[in-house]
Amino acid sequence: MDKAHKDVLQITKEIVVKFVEVGRITPANFAESFPAIYAVVRETLAGGPETTPASGAPGSSAPDAFLLASAPGRTGKS
């Protein structure tokens, strides 16, 4: 396993642990949440797009929508 992959896994783990602590992630939705968070972290560390389209906009991705909906104080609904 290379350093970049280890870094992405470590950051993803820390985010998931924090979401579990605040009740945003449960055992029931872990399998859906972890890959979405992992993909966003990997894209960010790889120098992904500087701006992210709004949730639901053409070209937006499921991980972006997940993070927006999971942000504290956000419902994911407009």
PDB file of N, CA and C in Angstrom:
ATOM      1  N   MET A   1       0.864  -1.171   0.000  1.00  0.00           N
ATOM      2  CA  MET A   1       0.000   0.000   0.000  1.00  0.00           C
ATOM      3  C   MET A   1       0.908   1.230   0.000  1.00  0.00           C
ATOM      4  N   ASP A   2       0.684   2.133  -0.952  1.00  0.00           N
ATOM      5  CA  ASP A   2       1.534   3.316  -1.039  1.00  0.00           C
ATOM      6  C   ASP A   2       1.091   4.392  -0.039  1.00  0.00           C
ATOM      7  N   LYS A   3       1.950   5.395   0.156  1.00  0.00           N
ATOM      8  CA  LYS A   3       1.696   6.444   1.141  1.00  0.00           C
ATOM      9  C   LYS A   3       0.415   7.216   0.841  1.00  0.00           C
ATOM     10  N   ALA A   4       0.161   7.529  -0.414  1.00  0.00           N
ATOM     11  CA  ALA A   4      -1.038   8.291  -0.766  1.00  0.00           C
ATOM     12  C   ALA A   4      -2.299   7.530  -0.364  1.00  0.00           C
ATOM     13  N   HIS A   5      -2.327   6.232  -0.637  1.00  0.00           N
ATOM     14  CA  HIS A   5      -3.488   5.413  -0.280  1.00  0.00           C
ATOM     15  C   HIS A   5      -3.667   5.369   1.242  1.00  0.00           C
ATOM     16  N   LYS A   6      -2.563   5.214   1.972  1.00  0.00           N
ATOM     17  CA  LYS A   6      -2.627   5.209   3.439  1.00  0.00           C
ATOM     18  C   LYS A   6      -3.147   6.546   3.963  1.00  0.00           C
ATOM     19  N   ASP A   7      -2.692   7.646   3.361  1.00  0.00           N
ATOM     20  CA  ASP A   7      -3.156   8.969   3.786  1.00  0.00           C
ATOM     21  C   ASP A   7      -4.657   9.128   3.572  1.00  0.00           C
ATOM     22  N   VAL A   8      -5.138   8.701   2.408  1.00  0.00           N
ATOM     23  CA  VAL A   8      -6.570   8.804   2.113  1.00  0.00           C
ATOM     24  C   VAL A   8      -7.374   7.955   3.100  1.00  0.00           C
ATOM     25  N   LEU A   9      -6.915   6.740   3.378  1.00  0.00           N
ATOM     26  CA  LEU A   9      -7.624   5.892   4.337  1.00  0.00           C
ATOM     27  C   LEU A   9      -7.634   6.508   5.739  1.00  0.00           C
ATOM     28  N   GLN A  10      -6.502   7.066   6.170  1.00  0.00           N
ATOM     29  CA  GLN A  10      -6.423   7.662   7.507  1.00  0.00           C
ATOM     30  C   GLN A  10      -7.353   8.858   7.637  1.00  0.00           C
ATOM     31  N   ILE A  11      -7.356   9.735   6.654  1.00  0.00           N
ATOM     32  CA  ILE A  11      -8.223  10.918   6.688  1.00  0.00           C
ATOM     33  C   ILE A  11      -9.691  10.493   6.660  1.00  0.00           C
ATOM     34  N   THR A  12     -10.002   9.535   5.790  1.00  0.00           N
ATOM     35  CA  THR A  12     -11.380   9.042   5.697  1.00  0.00           C
ATOM     36  C   THR A  12     -11.822   8.445   7.024  1.00  0.00           C
ATOM     37  N   LYS A  13     -10.943   7.659   7.647  1.00  0.00           N
ATOM     38  CA  LYS A  13     -11.265   7.057   8.936  1.00  0.00           C
ATOM     39  C   LYS A  13     -11.563   8.126   9.979  1.00  0.00           C
ATOM     40  N   GLU A  14     -10.750   9.159  10.029  1.00  0.00           N
ATOM     41  CA  GLU A  14     -10.959  10.224  11.014  1.00  0.00           C
ATOM     42  C   GLU A  14     -12.291  10.942  10.792  1.00  0.00           C
ATOM     43  N   ILE A  15     -12.639  11.184   9.544  1.00  0.00           N
ATOM     44  CA  ILE A  15     -13.913  11.830   9.233  1.00  0.00           C
ATOM     45  C   ILE A  15     -15.077  10.922   9.636  1.00  0.00           C
ATOM     46  N   VAL A  16     -14.977   9.641   9.287  1.00  0.00           N
ATOM     47  CA  VAL A  16     -16.044   8.693   9.617  1.00  0.00           C
ATOM     48  C   VAL A  16     -16.204   8.575  11.133  1.00  0.00           C
ATOM     49  N   VAL A  17     -15.094   8.498  11.855  1.00  0.00           N
ATOM     50  CA  VAL A  17     -15.170   8.412  13.321  1.00  0.00           C
ATOM     51  C   VAL A  17     -15.898   9.630  13.877  1.00  0.00           C
ATOM     52  N   LYS A  18     -15.578  10.812  13.377  1.00  0.00           N
ATOM     53  CA  LYS A  18     -16.242  12.028  13.862  1.00  0.00           C
ATOM     54  C   LYS A  18     -17.735  11.982  13.526  1.00  0.00           C
ATOM     55  N   PHE A  19     -18.093  11.539  12.319  1.00  0.00           N
ATOM     56  CA  PHE A  19     -19.503  11.434  11.949  1.00  0.00           C
ATOM     57  C   PHE A  19     -20.233  10.411  12.815  1.00  0.00           C
ATOM     58  N   VAL A  20     -19.566   9.318  13.187  1.00  0.00           N
ATOM     59  CA  VAL A  20     -20.172   8.331  14.075  1.00  0.00           C
ATOM     60  C   VAL A  20     -20.405   8.962  15.452  1.00  0.00           C
ATOM     61  N   GLU A  21     -19.416   9.713  15.935  1.00  0.00           N
ATOM     62  CA  GLU A  21     -19.542  10.356  17.247  1.00  0.00           C
ATOM     63  C   GLU A  21     -20.731  11.303  17.319  1.00  0.00           C
ATOM     64  N   VAL A  22     -21.015  12.022  16.238  1.00  0.00           N
ATOM     65  CA  VAL A  22     -22.120  12.978  16.250  1.00  0.00           C
ATOM     66  C   VAL A  22     -23.428  12.361  15.751  1.00  0.00           C
ATOM     67  N   GLY A  23     -23.392  11.079  15.393  1.00  0.00           N
ATOM     68  CA  GLY A  23     -24.612  10.385  15.006  1.00  0.00           C
ATOM     69  C   GLY A  23     -25.001  10.487  13.545  1.00  0.00           C
ATOM     70  N   ARG A  24     -24.113  10.997  12.700  1.00  0.00           N
ATOM     71  CA  ARG A  24     -24.418  11.111  11.265  1.00  0.00           C
ATOM     72  C   ARG A  24     -24.254   9.785  10.533  1.00  0.00           C
ATOM     73  N   ILE A  25     -23.387   8.914  11.053  1.00  0.00           N
ATOM     74  CA  ILE A  25     -23.159   7.605  10.444  1.00  0.00           C
ATOM     75  C   ILE A  25     -23.476   6.543  11.488  1.00  0.00           C
ATOM     76  N   THR A  26     -24.206   5.526  11.050  1.00  0.00           N
ATOM     77  CA  THR A  26     -24.572   4.403  11.904  1.00  0.00           C
ATOM     78  C   THR A  26     -24.103   3.122  11.220  1.00  0.00           C
ATOM     79  N   PRO A  27     -24.141   1.995  11.931  1.00  0.00           N
ATOM     80  CA  PRO A  27     -23.794   0.738  11.269  1.00  0.00           C
ATOM     81  C   PRO A  27     -24.667   0.470  10.040  1.00  0.00           C
ATOM     82  N   ALA A  28     -25.885   0.952  10.064  1.00  0.00           N
ATOM     83  CA  ALA A  28     -26.806   0.712   8.945  1.00  0.00           C
ATOM     84  C   ALA A  28     -26.394   1.459   7.680  1.00  0.00           C
ATOM     85  N   ASN A  29     -25.780   2.636   7.808  1.00  0.00           N
ATOM     86  CA  ASN A  29     -25.424   3.389   6.601  1.00  0.00           C
ATOM     87  C   ASN A  29     -23.920   3.490   6.380  1.00  0.00           C
ATOM     88  N   PHE A  30     -23.122   2.755   7.153  1.00  0.00           N
ATOM     89  CA  PHE A  30     -21.667   2.803   7.010  1.00  0.00           C
ATOM     90  C   PHE A  30     -21.219   2.388   5.611  1.00  0.00           C
ATOM     91  N   ALA A  31     -21.759   1.296   5.093  1.00  0.00           N
ATOM     92  CA  ALA A  31     -21.335   0.773   3.788  1.00  0.00           C
ATOM     93  C   ALA A  31     -21.597   1.761   2.661  1.00  0.00           C
ATOM     94  N   GLU A  32     -22.595   2.598   2.812  1.00  0.00           N
ATOM     95  CA  GLU A  32     -22.893   3.630   1.817  1.00  0.00           C
ATOM     96  C   GLU A  32     -22.006   4.860   2.038  1.00  0.00           C
ATOM     97  N   SER A  33     -21.761   5.201   3.284  1.00  0.00           N
ATOM     98  CA  SER A  33     -21.080   6.439   3.619  1.00  0.00           C
ATOM     99  C   SER A  33     -19.570   6.383   3.399  1.00  0.00           C
ATOM    100  N   PHE A  34     -18.931   5.297   3.834  1.00  0.00           N
ATOM    101  CA  PHE A  34     -17.470   5.226   3.769  1.00  0.00           C
ATOM    102  C   PHE A  34     -16.931   5.413   2.349  1.00  0.00           C
ATOM    103  N   PRO A  35     -17.455   4.684   1.346  1.00  0.00           N
ATOM    104  CA  PRO A  35     -16.928   4.865  -0.011  1.00  0.00           C
ATOM    105  C   PRO A  35     -17.145   6.282  -0.553  1.00  0.00           C
ATOM    106  N   ALA A  36     -18.256   6.894  -0.192  1.00  0.00           N
ATOM    107  CA  ALA A  36     -18.524   8.253  -0.662  1.00  0.00           C
ATOM    108  C   ALA A  36     -17.516   9.236  -0.070  1.00  0.00           C
ATOM    109  N   ILE A  37     -17.249   9.120   1.220  1.00  0.00           N
ATOM    110  CA  ILE A  37     -16.277   9.997   1.866  1.00  0.00           C
ATOM    111  C   ILE A  37     -14.884   9.720   1.315  1.00  0.00           C
ATOM    112  N   TYR A  38     -14.541   8.442   1.144  1.00  0.00           N
ATOM    113  CA  TYR A  38     -13.237   8.060   0.600  1.00  0.00           C
ATOM    114  C   TYR A  38     -13.012   8.692  -0.773  1.00  0.00           C
ATOM    115  N   ALA A  39     -14.026   8.635  -1.628  1.00  0.00           N
ATOM    116  CA  ALA A  39     -13.896   9.189  -2.981  1.00  0.00           C
ATOM    117  C   ALA A  39     -13.647  10.696  -2.956  1.00  0.00           C
ATOM    118  N   VAL A  40     -14.334  11.406  -2.076  1.00  0.00           N
ATOM    119  CA  VAL A  40     -14.148  12.860  -1.979  1.00  0.00           C
ATOM    120  C   VAL A  40     -12.759  13.180  -1.452  1.00  0.00           C
ATOM    121  N   VAL A  41     -12.300  12.457  -0.444  1.00  0.00           N
ATOM    122  CA  VAL A  41     -10.962  12.698   0.109  1.00  0.00           C
ATOM    123  C   VAL A  41      -9.909  12.408  -0.957  1.00  0.00           C
ATOM    124  N   ARG A  42     -10.044  11.279  -1.656  1.00  0.00           N
ATOM    125  CA  ARG A  42      -9.071  10.911  -2.692  1.00  0.00           C
ATOM    126  C   ARG A  42      -9.022  11.972  -3.786  1.00  0.00           C
ATOM    127  N   GLU A  43     -10.185  12.436  -4.230  1.00  0.00           N
ATOM    128  CA  GLU A  43     -10.235  13.460  -5.276  1.00  0.00           C
ATOM    129  C   GLU A  43      -9.610  14.773  -4.789  1.00  0.00           C
ATOM    130  N   THR A  44      -9.879  15.123  -3.553  1.00  0.00           N
ATOM    131  CA  THR A  44      -9.339  16.355  -2.994  1.00  0.00           C
ATOM    132  C   THR A  44      -7.818  16.293  -2.899  1.00  0.00           C
ATOM    133  N   LEU A  45      -7.282  15.196  -2.394  1.00  0.00           N
ATOM    134  CA  LEU A  45      -5.831  15.072  -2.259  1.00  0.00           C
ATOM    135  C   LEU A  45      -5.141  14.962  -3.618  1.00  0.00           C
ATOM    136  N   ALA A  46      -5.852  14.472  -4.619  1.00  0.00           N
ATOM    137  CA  ALA A  46      -5.283  14.349  -5.958  1.00  0.00           C
ATOM    138  C   ALA A  46      -5.329  15.668  -6.714  1.00  0.00           C
ATOM    139  N   GLY A  47      -5.882  16.708  -6.070  1.00  0.00           N
ATOM    140  CA  GLY A  47      -5.965  18.011  -6.730  1.00  0.00           C
ATOM    141  C   GLY A  47      -7.170  18.110  -7.624  1.00  0.00           C
ATOM    142  N   GLY A  48      -8.287  17.623  -7.135  1.00  0.00           N
ATOM    143  CA  GLY A  48      -9.531  17.637  -7.892  1.00  0.00           C
ATOM    144  C   GLY A  48      -9.978  19.038  -8.225  1.00  0.00           C
ATOM    145  N   PRO A  49     -11.179  19.153  -8.738  1.00  0.00           N
ATOM    146  CA  PRO A  49     -11.704  20.456  -9.143  1.00  0.00           C
ATOM    147  C   PRO A  49     -11.655  21.460  -8.002  1.00  0.00           C
ATOM    148  N   GLU A  50     -11.331  22.699  -8.340  1.00  0.00           N
ATOM    149  CA  GLU A  50     -11.242  23.760  -7.341  1.00  0.00           C
ATOM    150  C   GLU A  50     -12.618  24.124  -6.796  1.00  0.00           C
ATOM    151  N   THR A  51     -13.644  24.023  -7.642  1.00  0.00           N
ATOM    152  CA  THR A  51     -14.998  24.321  -7.194  1.00  0.00           C
ATOM    153  C   THR A  51     -15.847  23.085  -7.400  1.00  0.00           C
ATOM    154  N   THR A  52     -16.814  22.909  -6.540  1.00  0.00           N
ATOM    155  CA  THR A  52     -17.709  21.765  -6.609  1.00  0.00           C
ATOM    156  C   THR A  52     -19.086  22.250  -7.014  1.00  0.00           C
ATOM    157  N   PRO A  53     -19.724  21.620  -8.002  1.00  0.00           N
ATOM    158  CA  PRO A  53     -21.070  22.032  -8.373  1.00  0.00           C
ATOM    159  C   PRO A  53     -22.028  21.846  -7.208  1.00  0.00           C
ATOM    160  N   ALA A  54     -23.061  22.642  -7.185  1.00  0.00           N
ATOM    161  CA  ALA A  54     -24.063  22.536  -6.128  1.00  0.00           C
ATOM    162  C   ALA A  54     -24.738  21.177  -6.203  1.00  0.00           C
ATOM    163  N   SER A  55     -25.196  20.698  -5.070  1.00  0.00           N
ATOM    164  CA  SER A  55     -25.878  19.412  -5.017  1.00  0.00           C
ATOM    165  C   SER A  55     -27.073  19.417  -5.963  1.00  0.00           C
ATOM    166  N   GLY A  56     -27.152  18.385  -6.786  1.00  0.00           N
ATOM    167  CA  GLY A  56     -28.269  18.267  -7.710  1.00  0.00           C
ATOM    168  C   GLY A  56     -28.025  18.966  -9.036  1.00  0.00           C
ATOM    169  N   ALA A  57     -26.956  19.749  -9.141  1.00  0.00           N
ATOM    170  CA  ALA A  57     -26.648  20.439 -10.390  1.00  0.00           C
ATOM    171  C   ALA A  57     -26.079  19.436 -11.378  1.00  0.00           C
ATOM    172  N   PRO A  58     -26.212  19.716 -12.680  1.00  0.00           N
ATOM    173  CA  PRO A  58     -25.607  18.816 -13.659  1.00  0.00           C
ATOM    174  C   PRO A  58     -24.118  18.682 -13.380  1.00  0.00           C
ATOM    175  N   GLY A  59     -23.638  17.457 -13.384  1.00  0.00           N
ATOM    176  CA  GLY A  59     -22.226  17.219 -13.136  1.00  0.00           C
ATOM    177  C   GLY A  59     -21.906  17.005 -11.663  1.00  0.00           C
ATOM    178  N   SER A  60     -22.872  17.155 -10.772  1.00  0.00           N
ATOM    179  CA  SER A  60     -22.577  16.917  -9.362  1.00  0.00           C
ATOM    180  C   SER A  60     -22.505  15.414  -9.132  1.00  0.00           C
ATOM    181  N   SER A  61     -21.770  15.023  -8.100  1.00  0.00           N
ATOM    182  CA  SER A  61     -21.607  13.602  -7.846  1.00  0.00           C
ATOM    183  C   SER A  61     -22.268  13.221  -6.538  1.00  0.00           C
ATOM    184  N   ALA A  62     -22.512  11.937  -6.362  1.00  0.00           N
ATOM    185  CA  ALA A  62     -23.141  11.454  -5.138  1.00  0.00           C
ATOM    186  C   ALA A  62     -22.313  11.777  -3.902  1.00  0.00           C
ATOM    187  N   PRO A  63     -20.947  11.622  -3.936  1.00  0.00           N
ATOM    188  CA  PRO A  63     -20.192  11.967  -2.739  1.00  0.00           C
ATOM    189  C   PRO A  63     -20.384  13.430  -2.328  1.00  0.00           C
ATOM    190  N   ASP A  64     -20.429  14.339  -3.303  1.00  0.00           N
ATOM    191  CA  ASP A  64     -20.635  15.748  -2.982  1.00  0.00           C
ATOM    192  C   ASP A  64     -21.997  15.940  -2.331  1.00  0.00           C
ATOM    193  N   ALA A  65     -23.007  15.303  -2.885  1.00  0.00           N
ATOM    194  CA  ALA A  65     -24.349  15.427  -2.333  1.00  0.00           C
ATOM    195  C   ALA A  65     -24.388  14.851  -0.929  1.00  0.00           C
ATOM    196  N   PHE A  66     -23.676  13.731  -0.710  1.00  0.00           N
ATOM    197  CA  PHE A  66     -23.631  13.133   0.611  1.00  0.00           C
ATOM    198  C   PHE A  66     -23.023  14.085   1.622  1.00  0.00           C
ATOM    199  N   LEU A  67     -21.889  14.676   1.289  1.00  0.00           N
ATOM    200  CA  LEU A  67     -21.221  15.564   2.231  1.00  0.00           C
ATOM    201  C   LEU A  67     -22.053  16.801   2.514  1.00  0.00           C
ATOM    202  N   LEU A  68     -22.706  17.334   1.494  1.00  0.00           N
ATOM    203  CA  LEU A  68     -23.544  18.505   1.728  1.00  0.00           C
ATOM    204  C   LEU A  68     -24.707  18.151   2.648  1.00  0.00           C
ATOM    205  N   ALA A  69     -25.305  16.989   2.423  1.00  0.00           N
ATOM    206  CA  ALA A  69     -26.445  16.580   3.245  1.00  0.00           C
ATOM    207  C   ALA A  69     -26.003  16.227   4.658  1.00  0.00           C
ATOM    208  N   SER A  70     -24.750  15.815   4.833  1.00  0.00           N
ATOM    209  CA  SER A  70     -24.267  15.384   6.134  1.00  0.00           C
ATOM    210  C   SER A  70     -23.647  16.504   6.952  1.00  0.00           C
ATOM    211  N   ALA A  71     -23.452  17.658   6.344  1.00  0.00           N
ATOM    212  CA  ALA A  71     -22.829  18.759   7.069  1.00  0.00           C
ATOM    213  C   ALA A  71     -23.738  19.188   8.224  1.00  0.00           C
ATOM    214  N   PRO A  72     -23.132  19.502   9.373  1.00  0.00           N
ATOM    215  CA  PRO A  72     -23.953  19.924  10.511  1.00  0.00           C
ATOM    216  C   PRO A  72     -24.846  21.111  10.137  1.00  0.00           C
ATOM    217  N   GLY A  73     -26.098  21.027  10.530  1.00  0.00           N
ATOM    218  CA  GLY A  73     -27.042  22.116  10.261  1.00  0.00           C
ATOM    219  C   GLY A  73     -27.639  22.080   8.867  1.00  0.00           C
ATOM    220  N   ARG A  74     -27.263  21.091   8.052  1.00  0.00           N
ATOM    221  CA  ARG A  74     -27.787  20.982   6.696  1.00  0.00           C
ATOM    222  C   ARG A  74     -28.759  19.818   6.643  1.00  0.00           C
ATOM    223  N   THR A  75     -29.797  19.963   5.875  1.00  0.00           N
ATOM    224  CA  THR A  75     -30.750  18.863   5.722  1.00  0.00           C
ATOM    225  C   THR A  75     -30.601  18.156   4.397  1.00  0.00           C
ATOM    226  N   GLY A  76     -29.850  18.777   3.486  1.00  0.00           N
ATOM    227  CA  GLY A  76     -29.712  18.186   2.154  1.00  0.00           C
ATOM    228  C   GLY A  76     -30.864  18.553   1.248  1.00  0.00           C
ATOM    229  N   LYS A  77     -31.799  19.324   1.766  1.00  0.00           N
ATOM    230  CA  LYS A  77     -32.957  19.748   0.993  1.00  0.00           C
ATOM    231  C   LYS A  77     -32.889  21.243   0.780  1.00  0.00           C
ATOM    232  N   SER A  78     -33.358  21.689  -0.392  1.00  0.00           N
ATOM    233  CA  SER A  78     -33.334  23.116  -0.691  1.00  0.00           C
ATOM    234  C   SER A  78     -34.611  23.782  -0.257  1.00  0.00           C
TER     235      SER A  78
END
